[in-house]
């Protein structure tokens, strides 16, 4: 009976570690995707601004 409890506790710890690692990995992946999306958006916005700025300079 004691062996079963020890095994149960060990399995619970392993499952918790795997869950924590998996959760951290998912968070990292989501953050990476968010940063990529933000970079793309900022890049588009910067290109728009530079294009507008270039057009304004040509008018001067």
C-alpha atoms as a PDB file:
ATOM      1  CA  UNK A   1       0.000   0.000   0.000  1.00  0.00           C
ATOM      2  CA  UNK A   2       2.853   2.340   0.864  1.00  0.00           C
ATOM      3  CA  UNK A   3       4.495   1.576  -2.463  1.00  0.00           C
ATOM      4  CA  UNK A   4       1.295   2.489  -4.272  1.00  0.00           C
ATOM      5  CA  UNK A   5       1.121   5.838  -2.458  1.00  0.00           C
ATOM      6  CA  UNK A   6       4.785   6.572  -3.152  1.00  0.00           C
ATOM      7  CA  UNK A   7       4.264   5.679  -6.808  1.00  0.00           C
ATOM      8  CA  UNK A   8       1.141   7.837  -6.946  1.00  0.00           C
ATOM      9  CA  UNK A   9       3.005  10.816  -5.468  1.00  0.00           C
ATOM     10  CA  UNK A  10       5.906  10.320  -7.857  1.00  0.00           C
ATOM     11  CA  UNK A  11       3.547  10.137 -10.836  1.00  0.00           C
ATOM     12  CA  UNK A  12       1.752  13.289  -9.671  1.00  0.00           C
ATOM     13  CA  UNK A  13       5.088  15.151  -9.438  1.00  0.00           C
ATOM     14  CA  UNK A  14       6.091  13.968 -12.912  1.00  0.00           C
ATOM     15  CA  UNK A  15       2.729  15.007 -14.370  1.00  0.00           C
ATOM     16  CA  UNK A  16       3.008  18.420 -12.681  1.00  0.00           C
ATOM     17  CA  UNK A  17       6.528  18.942 -14.062  1.00  0.00           C
ATOM     18  CA  UNK A  18       5.447  17.949 -17.559  1.00  0.00           C
ATOM     19  CA  UNK A  19       2.387  20.198 -17.324  1.00  0.00           C
ATOM     20  CA  UNK A  20       4.489  23.128 -16.101  1.00  0.00           C
ATOM     21  CA  UNK A  21       7.064  22.601 -18.862  1.00  0.00           C
ATOM     22  CA  UNK A  22       4.366  22.266 -21.503  1.00  0.00           C
ATOM     23  CA  UNK A  23       2.582  25.368 -20.203  1.00  0.00           C
ATOM     24  CA  UNK A  24       5.814  27.342 -20.287  1.00  0.00           C
ATOM     25  CA  UNK A  25       6.547  26.141 -23.813  1.00  0.00           C
ATOM     26  CA  UNK A  26       3.066  27.150 -24.977  1.00  0.00           C
ATOM     27  CA  UNK A  27       3.481  30.596 -23.373  1.00  0.00           C
ATOM     28  CA  UNK A  28       6.875  31.007 -25.071  1.00  0.00           C
ATOM     29  CA  UNK A  29       5.388  30.020 -28.438  1.00  0.00           C
ATOM     30  CA  UNK A  30       2.462  32.414 -28.016  1.00  0.00           C
ATOM     31  CA  UNK A  31       4.781  35.263 -27.040  1.00  0.00           C
ATOM     32  CA  UNK A  32       6.987  34.531 -30.048  1.00  0.00           C
ATOM     33  CA  UNK A  33       3.958  34.608 -32.360  1.00  0.00           C
ATOM     34  CA  UNK A  34       2.739  37.846 -30.774  1.00  0.00           C
ATOM     35  CA  UNK A  35       6.148  39.489 -31.184  1.00  0.00           C
ATOM     36  CA  UNK A  36       6.287  38.334 -34.803  1.00  0.00           C
ATOM     37  CA  UNK A  37       2.831  39.756 -35.473  1.00  0.00           C
ATOM     38  CA  UNK A  38       3.775  43.030 -33.769  1.00  0.00           C
ATOM     39  CA  UNK A  39       7.017  43.221 -35.757  1.00  0.00           C
ATOM     40  CA  UNK A  40       5.104  42.708 -39.013  1.00  0.00           C
ATOM     41  CA  UNK A  41       2.539  45.328 -38.039  1.00  0.00           C
ATOM     42  CA  UNK A  42       5.193  47.812 -36.961  1.00  0.00           C
ATOM     43  CA  UNK A  43       7.142  47.141 -40.147  1.00  0.00           C
ATOM     44  CA  UNK A  44       4.046  47.887 -42.257  1.00  0.00           C
ATOM     45  CA  UNK A  45       3.362  51.044 -40.259  1.00  0.00           C
ATOM     46  CA  UNK A  46       6.979  52.167 -40.610  1.00  0.00           C
ATOM     47  CA  UNK A  47       6.886  51.553 -44.380  1.00  0.00           C
ATOM     48  CA  UNK A  48       3.665  53.582 -44.621  1.00  0.00           C
ATOM     49  CA  UNK A  49       5.214  56.410 -42.617  1.00  0.00           C
ATOM     50  CA  UNK A  50       8.416  56.405 -44.674  1.00  0.00           C
ATOM     51  CA  UNK A  51       6.424  56.400 -47.890  1.00  0.00           C
ATOM     52  CA  UNK A  52       4.326  59.348 -46.678  1.00  0.00           C
ATOM     53  CA  UNK A  53       7.448  61.139 -45.491  1.00  0.00           C
ATOM     54  CA  UNK A  54       9.109  60.550 -48.856  1.00  0.00           C
ATOM     55  CA  UNK A  55       6.044  61.920 -50.653  1.00  0.00           C
ATOM     56  CA  UNK A  56       6.055  65.004 -48.410  1.00  0.00           C
ATOM     57  CA  UNK A  57       9.755  65.580 -49.109  1.00  0.00           C
ATOM     58  CA  UNK A  58       9.150  65.357 -52.855  1.00  0.00           C
ATOM     59  CA  UNK A  59       6.488  68.073 -52.585  1.00  0.00           C
ATOM     60  CA  UNK A  60       8.927  70.429 -50.849  1.00  0.00           C
END
